[in-house]
């Protein structure tokens, strides 16, 4: 089996996903649809289509203010959250277990340099950030969420319920494709 960000036995999905009957299908699909993030990457990320259901979920997350656009903004957001989690761990005198709480969605037309930077981001925030590459160009993804002529090469979904909704929409997509 391919080594993957998604397939680690330690991967803990959001509770809303873990308790859903589609969780098993999602986990199998994360492995089945995984490809190298970039040519020489040791990380594998799954690929999904941007279908009508996932588009609606992303538009809802965007209108709710739960979407961060762009690599630099995602890096800053995740770094700030990491600092807050570190402080909370110190105050509670213990560390909590890592659970996926953020979802990175990638356009399929990024340059290798971009994907190498994403690789570093995923490694730094392993355990709480899951990535999926969408079979869509940055201009189409940007137009869907931010308007014409707006690019979106990377989206960070921040809120746990929005992350769960996106993951379950992807699971539904893979379910329609047949057994895995």
N, C-alpha and C. Protein backbone atom coordinates (compact mmCIF):
# COMPACT_ATOMS: atom_id res chain seq x y z
N UNK A 1 0.84 -1.19 0.00
CA UNK A 1 0.00 0.00 0.00
C UNK A 1 0.88 1.24 0.00
N UNK A 2 0.45 2.26 -0.67
CA UNK A 2 1.19 3.51 -0.78
C UNK A 2 1.25 4.21 0.58
N UNK A 3 2.42 4.72 0.98
CA UNK A 3 2.45 5.54 2.19
C UNK A 3 1.74 6.85 1.90
N UNK A 4 0.97 7.34 2.84
CA UNK A 4 0.17 8.51 2.56
C UNK A 4 -0.06 9.34 3.81
N UNK A 5 -0.29 10.61 3.61
CA UNK A 5 -0.71 11.48 4.71
C UNK A 5 -2.00 10.92 5.30
N UNK A 6 -2.84 10.38 4.44
CA UNK A 6 -4.17 9.96 4.84
C UNK A 6 -4.20 8.59 5.49
N UNK A 7 -3.23 7.72 5.23
CA UNK A 7 -3.39 6.33 5.64
C UNK A 7 -2.74 5.95 6.94
N UNK A 8 -2.07 6.87 7.57
CA UNK A 8 -1.45 6.54 8.84
C UNK A 8 -2.47 5.92 9.78
N UNK A 9 -2.08 4.83 10.41
CA UNK A 9 -2.99 4.17 11.36
C UNK A 9 -3.39 5.14 12.47
N UNK A 10 -2.57 6.13 12.72
CA UNK A 10 -2.86 7.10 13.77
C UNK A 10 -3.85 8.18 13.32
N UNK A 11 -4.24 8.18 12.03
CA UNK A 11 -5.16 9.20 11.54
C UNK A 11 -6.48 9.11 12.28
N UNK A 12 -6.84 10.21 12.89
CA UNK A 12 -8.13 10.31 13.58
C UNK A 12 -8.94 11.36 12.86
N UNK A 13 -10.05 10.93 12.29
CA UNK A 13 -10.93 11.83 11.55
C UNK A 13 -11.75 12.67 12.52
N UNK A 14 -12.34 13.77 12.03
CA UNK A 14 -13.23 14.55 12.90
C UNK A 14 -14.33 13.64 13.46
N UNK A 15 -14.76 13.90 14.67
CA UNK A 15 -15.77 13.05 15.32
C UNK A 15 -17.04 12.93 14.48
N UNK A 16 -17.43 14.02 13.82
CA UNK A 16 -18.63 13.97 12.96
C UNK A 16 -18.47 12.97 11.82
N UNK A 17 -17.25 12.76 11.38
CA UNK A 17 -16.98 11.79 10.31
C UNK A 17 -16.86 10.40 10.88
N UNK A 18 -16.14 10.25 11.99
CA UNK A 18 -15.94 8.93 12.59
C UNK A 18 -17.25 8.24 12.93
N UNK A 19 -18.25 9.03 13.33
CA UNK A 19 -19.53 8.44 13.73
C UNK A 19 -20.48 8.23 12.56
N UNK A 20 -20.08 8.67 11.38
CA UNK A 20 -20.93 8.53 10.18
C UNK A 20 -20.68 7.18 9.52
N UNK A 21 -21.72 6.55 8.97
CA UNK A 21 -21.54 5.26 8.31
C UNK A 21 -20.61 5.30 7.09
N UNK A 22 -20.35 6.48 6.56
CA UNK A 22 -19.47 6.60 5.40
C UNK A 22 -17.98 6.67 5.76
N UNK A 23 -17.66 6.65 7.04
CA UNK A 23 -16.27 6.81 7.48
C UNK A 23 -15.36 5.74 6.88
N UNK A 24 -15.80 4.50 6.89
CA UNK A 24 -14.98 3.43 6.34
C UNK A 24 -14.72 3.61 4.86
N UNK A 25 -15.75 4.00 4.13
CA UNK A 25 -15.61 4.26 2.70
C UNK A 25 -14.63 5.40 2.46
N UNK A 26 -14.71 6.43 3.28
CA UNK A 26 -13.80 7.55 3.15
C UNK A 26 -12.36 7.11 3.38
N UNK A 27 -12.10 6.37 4.45
CA UNK A 27 -10.74 5.92 4.73
C UNK A 27 -10.18 5.05 3.60
N UNK A 28 -10.98 4.14 3.09
CA UNK A 28 -10.53 3.30 1.98
C UNK A 28 -10.27 4.14 0.73
N UNK A 29 -11.13 5.12 0.49
CA UNK A 29 -10.96 5.99 -0.66
C UNK A 29 -9.74 6.88 -0.55
N UNK A 30 -9.42 7.32 0.67
CA UNK A 30 -8.22 8.14 0.86
C UNK A 30 -6.98 7.38 0.41
N UNK A 31 -6.97 6.08 0.66
CA UNK A 31 -5.85 5.24 0.20
C UNK A 31 -5.95 4.95 -1.29
N UNK A 32 -7.10 4.54 -1.73
CA UNK A 32 -7.30 4.09 -3.11
C UNK A 32 -7.01 5.19 -4.14
N UNK A 33 -7.32 6.42 -3.79
CA UNK A 33 -7.19 7.54 -4.72
C UNK A 33 -5.91 8.35 -4.49
N UNK A 34 -4.98 7.82 -3.68
CA UNK A 34 -3.77 8.57 -3.33
C UNK A 34 -2.72 8.51 -4.44
N UNK A 35 -2.08 9.65 -4.65
CA UNK A 35 -0.97 9.78 -5.59
C UNK A 35 0.08 10.67 -4.94
N UNK A 36 1.32 10.57 -5.44
CA UNK A 36 2.38 11.43 -4.90
C UNK A 36 1.97 12.91 -5.00
N UNK A 37 2.29 13.65 -3.96
CA UNK A 37 1.98 15.08 -3.97
C UNK A 37 2.75 15.79 -5.09
N UNK A 38 3.98 15.43 -5.26
CA UNK A 38 4.80 15.91 -6.38
C UNK A 38 5.76 14.80 -6.73
N UNK A 39 6.45 14.92 -7.84
CA UNK A 39 7.24 13.85 -8.45
C UNK A 39 8.09 13.05 -7.46
N UNK A 40 8.83 13.71 -6.58
CA UNK A 40 9.73 13.02 -5.66
C UNK A 40 9.22 12.99 -4.23
N UNK A 41 8.01 13.36 -4.00
CA UNK A 41 7.46 13.41 -2.65
C UNK A 41 7.29 12.02 -2.06
N UNK A 42 7.48 11.94 -0.77
CA UNK A 42 7.19 10.71 -0.04
C UNK A 42 5.74 10.73 0.45
N UNK A 43 5.09 11.87 0.34
CA UNK A 43 3.70 11.99 0.77
C UNK A 43 2.77 11.72 -0.41
N UNK A 44 1.72 10.99 -0.12
CA UNK A 44 0.68 10.72 -1.10
C UNK A 44 -0.59 11.39 -0.62
N UNK A 45 -1.29 12.04 -1.51
CA UNK A 45 -2.57 12.66 -1.16
C UNK A 45 -3.63 12.14 -2.14
N UNK A 46 -4.85 12.00 -1.67
CA UNK A 46 -5.91 11.52 -2.55
C UNK A 46 -6.38 12.62 -3.50
N UNK A 47 -6.97 12.19 -4.60
CA UNK A 47 -7.55 13.10 -5.58
C UNK A 47 -9.04 12.86 -5.65
N UNK A 48 -9.80 13.94 -5.72
CA UNK A 48 -11.26 13.86 -5.83
C UNK A 48 -11.72 14.84 -6.89
N UNK A 49 -12.93 14.63 -7.37
CA UNK A 49 -13.52 15.56 -8.34
C UNK A 49 -14.24 16.68 -7.60
N UNK A 50 -14.31 17.81 -8.23
CA UNK A 50 -15.10 18.92 -7.69
C UNK A 50 -16.50 18.78 -8.30
N UNK A 51 -17.32 17.93 -7.68
CA UNK A 51 -18.67 17.70 -8.19
C UNK A 51 -19.64 18.70 -7.56
N UNK A 52 -20.91 18.57 -7.91
CA UNK A 52 -21.92 19.53 -7.44
C UNK A 52 -22.06 19.52 -5.92
N UNK A 53 -22.01 18.33 -5.31
CA UNK A 53 -22.16 18.25 -3.86
C UNK A 53 -20.98 18.93 -3.14
N UNK A 54 -19.77 18.63 -3.57
CA UNK A 54 -18.60 19.24 -2.94
C UNK A 54 -18.57 20.75 -3.21
N UNK A 55 -18.96 21.16 -4.41
CA UNK A 55 -19.02 22.60 -4.72
C UNK A 55 -19.96 23.31 -3.77
N UNK A 56 -21.12 22.72 -3.51
CA UNK A 56 -22.09 23.33 -2.60
C UNK A 56 -21.54 23.42 -1.17
N UNK A 57 -20.85 22.38 -0.74
CA UNK A 57 -20.23 22.39 0.60
C UNK A 57 -19.19 23.49 0.70
N UNK A 58 -18.37 23.64 -0.34
CA UNK A 58 -17.33 24.67 -0.32
C UNK A 58 -17.92 26.07 -0.36
N UNK A 59 -18.97 26.26 -1.14
CA UNK A 59 -19.63 27.57 -1.19
C UNK A 59 -20.24 27.91 0.17
N UNK A 60 -20.81 26.92 0.84
CA UNK A 60 -21.36 27.15 2.17
C UNK A 60 -20.26 27.50 3.17
N UNK A 61 -19.14 26.78 3.11
CA UNK A 61 -18.01 27.08 4.00
C UNK A 61 -17.48 28.48 3.73
N UNK A 62 -17.39 28.86 2.47
CA UNK A 62 -16.92 30.20 2.09
C UNK A 62 -17.85 31.28 2.62
N UNK A 63 -19.15 31.08 2.43
CA UNK A 63 -20.10 32.09 2.90
C UNK A 63 -20.13 32.17 4.43
N UNK A 64 -19.75 31.07 5.09
CA UNK A 64 -19.68 31.08 6.55
C UNK A 64 -18.37 31.62 7.09
N UNK A 65 -17.45 31.98 6.20
CA UNK A 65 -16.17 32.53 6.63
C UNK A 65 -15.17 31.50 7.10
N UNK A 66 -15.30 30.25 6.60
CA UNK A 66 -14.44 29.17 7.07
C UNK A 66 -13.43 28.70 6.04
N UNK A 67 -13.16 29.53 5.03
CA UNK A 67 -12.21 29.18 3.98
C UNK A 67 -11.09 30.21 3.96
N UNK A 68 -9.86 29.72 4.00
CA UNK A 68 -8.67 30.56 3.85
C UNK A 68 -8.11 30.25 2.47
N UNK A 69 -7.82 31.28 1.68
CA UNK A 69 -7.32 31.08 0.32
C UNK A 69 -5.84 31.40 0.24
N UNK A 70 -5.08 30.46 -0.32
CA UNK A 70 -3.68 30.69 -0.60
C UNK A 70 -2.75 30.04 0.41
N UNK A 71 -1.58 29.66 -0.10
CA UNK A 71 -0.58 28.97 0.72
C UNK A 71 -0.08 29.82 1.88
N UNK A 72 0.26 31.07 1.61
CA UNK A 72 0.81 31.92 2.66
C UNK A 72 -0.21 32.17 3.76
N UNK A 73 -1.45 32.42 3.39
CA UNK A 73 -2.50 32.65 4.39
C UNK A 73 -2.74 31.38 5.20
N UNK A 74 -2.71 30.22 4.54
CA UNK A 74 -2.90 28.95 5.25
C UNK A 74 -1.74 28.71 6.22
N UNK A 75 -0.51 28.99 5.78
CA UNK A 75 0.65 28.82 6.66
C UNK A 75 0.51 29.70 7.90
N UNK A 76 0.12 30.94 7.71
CA UNK A 76 -0.03 31.87 8.84
C UNK A 76 -1.14 31.41 9.78
N UNK A 77 -2.25 30.99 9.22
CA UNK A 77 -3.38 30.52 10.04
C UNK A 77 -3.00 29.31 10.86
N UNK A 78 -2.38 28.33 10.21
CA UNK A 78 -2.00 27.09 10.91
C UNK A 78 -0.91 27.35 11.95
N UNK A 79 0.02 28.25 11.67
CA UNK A 79 1.06 28.59 12.63
C UNK A 79 0.46 29.24 13.87
N UNK A 80 -0.49 30.14 13.68
CA UNK A 80 -1.15 30.79 14.82
C UNK A 80 -1.92 29.77 15.64
N UNK A 81 -2.62 28.87 14.97
CA UNK A 81 -3.35 27.82 15.70
C UNK A 81 -2.39 26.93 16.46
N UNK A 82 -1.25 26.61 15.85
CA UNK A 82 -0.26 25.76 16.49
C UNK A 82 0.26 26.42 17.78
N UNK A 83 0.52 27.73 17.71
CA UNK A 83 0.97 28.45 18.91
C UNK A 83 -0.10 28.37 20.00
N UNK A 84 -1.35 28.55 19.63
CA UNK A 84 -2.44 28.48 20.60
C UNK A 84 -2.57 27.09 21.21
N UNK A 85 -2.42 26.07 20.40
CA UNK A 85 -2.50 24.69 20.91
C UNK A 85 -1.35 24.38 21.85
N UNK A 86 -0.17 24.90 21.54
CA UNK A 86 1.00 24.69 22.40
C UNK A 86 0.78 25.34 23.76
N UNK A 87 0.25 26.55 23.75
CA UNK A 87 -0.05 27.24 25.01
C UNK A 87 -1.09 26.48 25.80
N UNK A 88 -2.14 26.02 25.14
CA UNK A 88 -3.20 25.26 25.82
C UNK A 88 -2.65 23.96 26.40
N UNK A 89 -1.76 23.30 25.67
CA UNK A 89 -1.16 22.06 26.18
C UNK A 89 -0.33 22.33 27.42
N UNK A 90 0.43 23.43 27.41
CA UNK A 90 1.24 23.78 28.59
C UNK A 90 0.36 24.06 29.81
N UNK A 91 -0.73 24.76 29.57
CA UNK A 91 -1.62 25.11 30.69
C UNK A 91 -2.33 23.89 31.24
N UNK A 92 -2.63 22.93 30.39
CA UNK A 92 -3.36 21.74 30.85
C UNK A 92 -2.40 20.66 31.34
N UNK A 93 -1.10 20.92 31.21
CA UNK A 93 -0.07 19.99 31.67
C UNK A 93 -0.12 18.65 30.93
N UNK A 94 -0.47 18.70 29.67
CA UNK A 94 -0.48 17.48 28.86
C UNK A 94 -0.89 17.80 27.44
N UNK A 95 -0.53 16.89 26.56
CA UNK A 95 -0.87 17.09 25.15
C UNK A 95 -2.10 16.27 24.78
N UNK A 96 -2.90 16.83 23.91
CA UNK A 96 -4.08 16.09 23.45
C UNK A 96 -3.67 15.28 22.23
N UNK A 97 -4.44 14.27 21.92
CA UNK A 97 -4.15 13.48 20.73
C UNK A 97 -4.49 14.27 19.47
N UNK A 98 -3.75 14.03 18.43
CA UNK A 98 -3.98 14.75 17.16
C UNK A 98 -5.21 14.18 16.45
N UNK A 99 -6.05 15.05 15.99
CA UNK A 99 -7.25 14.68 15.23
C UNK A 99 -7.36 15.64 14.06
N UNK A 100 -7.72 15.13 12.90
CA UNK A 100 -7.89 16.00 11.74
C UNK A 100 -8.97 17.03 12.05
N UNK A 101 -8.58 18.29 11.93
CA UNK A 101 -9.55 19.37 12.17
C UNK A 101 -9.50 20.41 11.06
N UNK A 102 -8.54 20.28 10.14
CA UNK A 102 -8.41 21.20 9.03
C UNK A 102 -8.22 20.40 7.74
N UNK A 103 -8.74 20.95 6.65
CA UNK A 103 -8.65 20.28 5.36
C UNK A 103 -8.03 21.24 4.35
N UNK A 104 -6.97 20.78 3.70
CA UNK A 104 -6.34 21.54 2.63
C UNK A 104 -6.81 20.94 1.31
N UNK A 105 -7.36 21.79 0.46
CA UNK A 105 -7.79 21.37 -0.87
C UNK A 105 -6.88 22.05 -1.89
N UNK A 106 -6.36 21.26 -2.81
CA UNK A 106 -5.38 21.75 -3.77
C UNK A 106 -5.93 21.69 -5.18
N UNK A 107 -5.68 22.72 -5.96
CA UNK A 107 -5.98 22.67 -7.39
C UNK A 107 -4.97 21.74 -8.04
N UNK A 108 -5.31 21.21 -9.18
CA UNK A 108 -4.46 20.19 -9.82
C UNK A 108 -3.41 20.78 -10.74
N UNK A 109 -3.35 22.08 -10.91
CA UNK A 109 -2.43 22.67 -11.87
C UNK A 109 -1.31 23.50 -11.25
N UNK A 110 -0.92 23.14 -10.02
CA UNK A 110 0.17 23.86 -9.38
C UNK A 110 1.53 23.43 -9.91
N UNK A 111 2.51 24.28 -9.77
CA UNK A 111 3.89 23.97 -10.16
C UNK A 111 4.52 23.08 -9.09
N UNK A 112 5.57 22.38 -9.46
CA UNK A 112 6.25 21.49 -8.52
C UNK A 112 6.72 22.25 -7.28
N UNK A 113 7.23 23.45 -7.46
CA UNK A 113 7.69 24.26 -6.32
C UNK A 113 6.55 24.49 -5.33
N UNK A 114 5.38 24.78 -5.84
CA UNK A 114 4.20 24.99 -5.00
C UNK A 114 3.91 23.72 -4.19
N UNK A 115 3.90 22.57 -4.85
CA UNK A 115 3.60 21.32 -4.15
C UNK A 115 4.69 20.95 -3.15
N UNK A 116 5.94 21.33 -3.41
CA UNK A 116 7.00 21.10 -2.42
C UNK A 116 6.73 21.92 -1.16
N UNK A 117 6.25 23.16 -1.35
CA UNK A 117 5.91 24.00 -0.19
C UNK A 117 4.72 23.42 0.57
N UNK A 118 3.75 22.90 -0.15
CA UNK A 118 2.59 22.25 0.49
C UNK A 118 3.06 21.03 1.27
N UNK A 119 3.99 20.28 0.71
CA UNK A 119 4.56 19.11 1.36
C UNK A 119 5.10 19.49 2.75
N UNK A 120 5.87 20.57 2.80
CA UNK A 120 6.43 21.03 4.08
C UNK A 120 5.33 21.43 5.05
N UNK A 121 4.30 22.09 4.55
CA UNK A 121 3.17 22.49 5.39
C UNK A 121 2.48 21.27 5.98
N UNK A 122 2.23 20.26 5.16
CA UNK A 122 1.55 19.05 5.63
C UNK A 122 2.39 18.29 6.64
N UNK A 123 3.67 18.24 6.42
CA UNK A 123 4.55 17.55 7.38
C UNK A 123 4.56 18.28 8.73
N UNK A 124 4.59 19.60 8.68
CA UNK A 124 4.63 20.37 9.93
C UNK A 124 3.34 20.18 10.75
N UNK A 125 2.22 20.07 10.07
CA UNK A 125 0.93 20.01 10.77
C UNK A 125 0.29 18.63 10.67
N UNK A 126 1.12 17.62 10.47
CA UNK A 126 0.65 16.24 10.36
C UNK A 126 -0.23 15.87 11.55
N UNK A 127 -1.26 15.15 11.26
CA UNK A 127 -2.16 14.70 12.31
C UNK A 127 -3.41 15.54 12.40
N UNK A 128 -3.28 16.85 12.22
CA UNK A 128 -4.47 17.69 12.32
C UNK A 128 -4.88 18.30 10.99
N UNK A 129 -4.04 18.14 9.95
CA UNK A 129 -4.36 18.67 8.63
C UNK A 129 -4.32 17.52 7.62
N UNK A 130 -5.37 17.41 6.86
CA UNK A 130 -5.48 16.43 5.79
C UNK A 130 -5.57 17.17 4.48
N UNK A 131 -4.92 16.65 3.43
CA UNK A 131 -4.95 17.30 2.13
C UNK A 131 -5.62 16.40 1.10
N UNK A 132 -6.34 17.03 0.19
CA UNK A 132 -6.96 16.36 -0.96
C UNK A 132 -6.71 17.24 -2.17
N UNK A 133 -6.25 16.61 -3.25
CA UNK A 133 -6.08 17.35 -4.51
C UNK A 133 -7.38 17.22 -5.29
N UNK A 134 -7.89 18.34 -5.76
CA UNK A 134 -9.12 18.34 -6.56
C UNK A 134 -8.75 18.33 -8.04
N UNK A 135 -9.52 17.59 -8.80
CA UNK A 135 -9.29 17.52 -10.24
C UNK A 135 -9.92 18.75 -10.89
N UNK A 136 -9.30 19.91 -10.61
CA UNK A 136 -9.81 21.19 -11.12
C UNK A 136 -8.65 22.19 -11.17
N UNK A 137 -8.68 23.07 -12.12
CA UNK A 137 -7.67 24.11 -12.24
C UNK A 137 -7.94 25.25 -11.25
N UNK A 138 -6.88 25.97 -10.90
CA UNK A 138 -6.98 27.06 -9.93
C UNK A 138 -7.95 28.15 -10.36
N UNK A 139 -8.04 28.42 -11.66
CA UNK A 139 -8.95 29.47 -12.11
C UNK A 139 -10.41 29.05 -11.93
N UNK A 140 -10.72 27.79 -12.16
CA UNK A 140 -12.10 27.31 -11.98
C UNK A 140 -12.48 27.27 -10.50
N UNK A 141 -11.56 26.79 -9.66
CA UNK A 141 -11.82 26.74 -8.22
C UNK A 141 -11.99 28.16 -7.67
N UNK A 142 -11.13 29.06 -8.10
CA UNK A 142 -11.23 30.46 -7.65
C UNK A 142 -12.52 31.12 -8.09
N UNK A 143 -12.91 30.88 -9.35
CA UNK A 143 -14.15 31.48 -9.86
C UNK A 143 -15.36 30.98 -9.09
N UNK A 144 -15.35 29.70 -8.71
CA UNK A 144 -16.47 29.13 -7.96
C UNK A 144 -16.68 29.84 -6.63
N UNK A 145 -15.59 30.14 -5.94
CA UNK A 145 -15.71 30.66 -4.57
C UNK A 145 -15.46 32.16 -4.43
N UNK A 146 -14.67 32.74 -5.35
CA UNK A 146 -14.25 34.12 -5.15
C UNK A 146 -14.59 35.05 -6.31
N UNK A 147 -15.14 34.50 -7.38
CA UNK A 147 -15.54 35.32 -8.51
C UNK A 147 -14.63 35.15 -9.71
N UNK A 148 -15.07 35.67 -10.85
CA UNK A 148 -14.32 35.54 -12.10
C UNK A 148 -12.90 36.09 -11.98
N UNK A 149 -11.98 35.45 -12.65
CA UNK A 149 -10.57 35.87 -12.72
C UNK A 149 -9.86 35.80 -11.37
N UNK A 150 -10.41 35.06 -10.43
CA UNK A 150 -9.76 34.88 -9.12
C UNK A 150 -9.22 33.47 -9.05
N UNK A 151 -7.95 33.31 -8.73
CA UNK A 151 -7.32 32.00 -8.61
C UNK A 151 -7.44 31.47 -7.19
N UNK A 152 -7.54 30.18 -7.07
CA UNK A 152 -7.49 29.51 -5.77
C UNK A 152 -6.73 28.20 -5.97
N UNK A 153 -5.43 28.25 -5.71
CA UNK A 153 -4.60 27.06 -5.87
C UNK A 153 -4.64 26.20 -4.60
N UNK A 154 -4.91 26.83 -3.46
CA UNK A 154 -5.00 26.12 -2.19
C UNK A 154 -6.10 26.76 -1.36
N UNK A 155 -6.91 25.90 -0.77
CA UNK A 155 -7.94 26.33 0.17
C UNK A 155 -7.70 25.60 1.48
N UNK A 156 -7.84 26.31 2.58
CA UNK A 156 -7.80 25.70 3.91
C UNK A 156 -9.20 25.83 4.49
N UNK A 157 -9.81 24.70 4.77
CA UNK A 157 -11.13 24.69 5.41
C UNK A 157 -10.87 24.61 6.91
N UNK A 158 -11.39 25.59 7.66
CA UNK A 158 -11.01 25.74 9.07
C UNK A 158 -11.96 25.11 10.07
N UNK A 159 -13.21 25.18 9.86
CA UNK A 159 -14.17 24.77 10.89
C UNK A 159 -14.43 23.28 10.81
N UNK A 160 -14.48 22.61 11.97
CA UNK A 160 -14.61 21.15 11.99
C UNK A 160 -15.86 20.65 11.27
N UNK A 161 -16.98 21.34 11.43
CA UNK A 161 -18.19 20.86 10.75
C UNK A 161 -18.09 21.05 9.24
N UNK A 162 -17.40 22.10 8.79
CA UNK A 162 -17.18 22.31 7.36
C UNK A 162 -16.21 21.27 6.81
N UNK A 163 -15.18 20.94 7.59
CA UNK A 163 -14.24 19.88 7.21
C UNK A 163 -14.99 18.56 7.08
N UNK A 164 -15.82 18.25 8.06
CA UNK A 164 -16.59 16.99 8.02
C UNK A 164 -17.52 16.96 6.81
N UNK A 165 -18.18 18.05 6.54
CA UNK A 165 -19.10 18.08 5.39
C UNK A 165 -18.35 17.85 4.09
N UNK A 166 -17.18 18.46 3.94
CA UNK A 166 -16.38 18.27 2.72
C UNK A 166 -15.90 16.83 2.60
N UNK A 167 -15.41 16.26 3.70
CA UNK A 167 -14.94 14.87 3.66
C UNK A 167 -16.08 13.90 3.34
N UNK A 168 -17.25 14.15 3.88
CA UNK A 168 -18.38 13.26 3.60
C UNK A 168 -18.89 13.43 2.17
N UNK A 169 -18.78 14.63 1.62
CA UNK A 169 -19.13 14.83 0.21
C UNK A 169 -18.17 14.05 -0.68
N UNK A 170 -16.91 14.03 -0.30
CA UNK A 170 -15.92 13.24 -1.05
C UNK A 170 -16.21 11.75 -0.91
N UNK A 171 -16.57 11.32 0.29
CA UNK A 171 -16.93 9.91 0.50
C UNK A 171 -18.13 9.53 -0.37
N UNK A 172 -19.11 10.42 -0.45
CA UNK A 172 -20.28 10.16 -1.30
C UNK A 172 -19.87 10.00 -2.76
N UNK A 173 -18.96 10.84 -3.19
CA UNK A 173 -18.45 10.79 -4.56
C UNK A 173 -17.81 9.44 -4.83
N UNK A 174 -16.95 9.01 -3.92
CA UNK A 174 -16.28 7.72 -4.10
C UNK A 174 -17.26 6.56 -3.99
N UNK A 175 -18.29 6.72 -3.17
CA UNK A 175 -19.33 5.68 -3.05
C UNK A 175 -20.03 5.47 -4.38
N UNK A 176 -20.32 6.56 -5.09
CA UNK A 176 -20.99 6.47 -6.39
C UNK A 176 -20.11 5.79 -7.45
N UNK A 177 -18.78 5.84 -7.22
CA UNK A 177 -17.86 5.23 -8.19
C UNK A 177 -17.85 3.72 -8.09
N UNK A 178 -18.37 3.17 -7.00
CA UNK A 178 -18.41 1.71 -6.88
C UNK A 178 -17.53 1.23 -5.74
N UNK A 179 -17.42 -0.09 -5.59
CA UNK A 179 -16.69 -0.67 -4.45
C UNK A 179 -15.21 -0.33 -4.48
N UNK A 180 -14.67 -0.16 -3.30
CA UNK A 180 -13.21 0.06 -3.17
C UNK A 180 -12.61 -1.01 -2.32
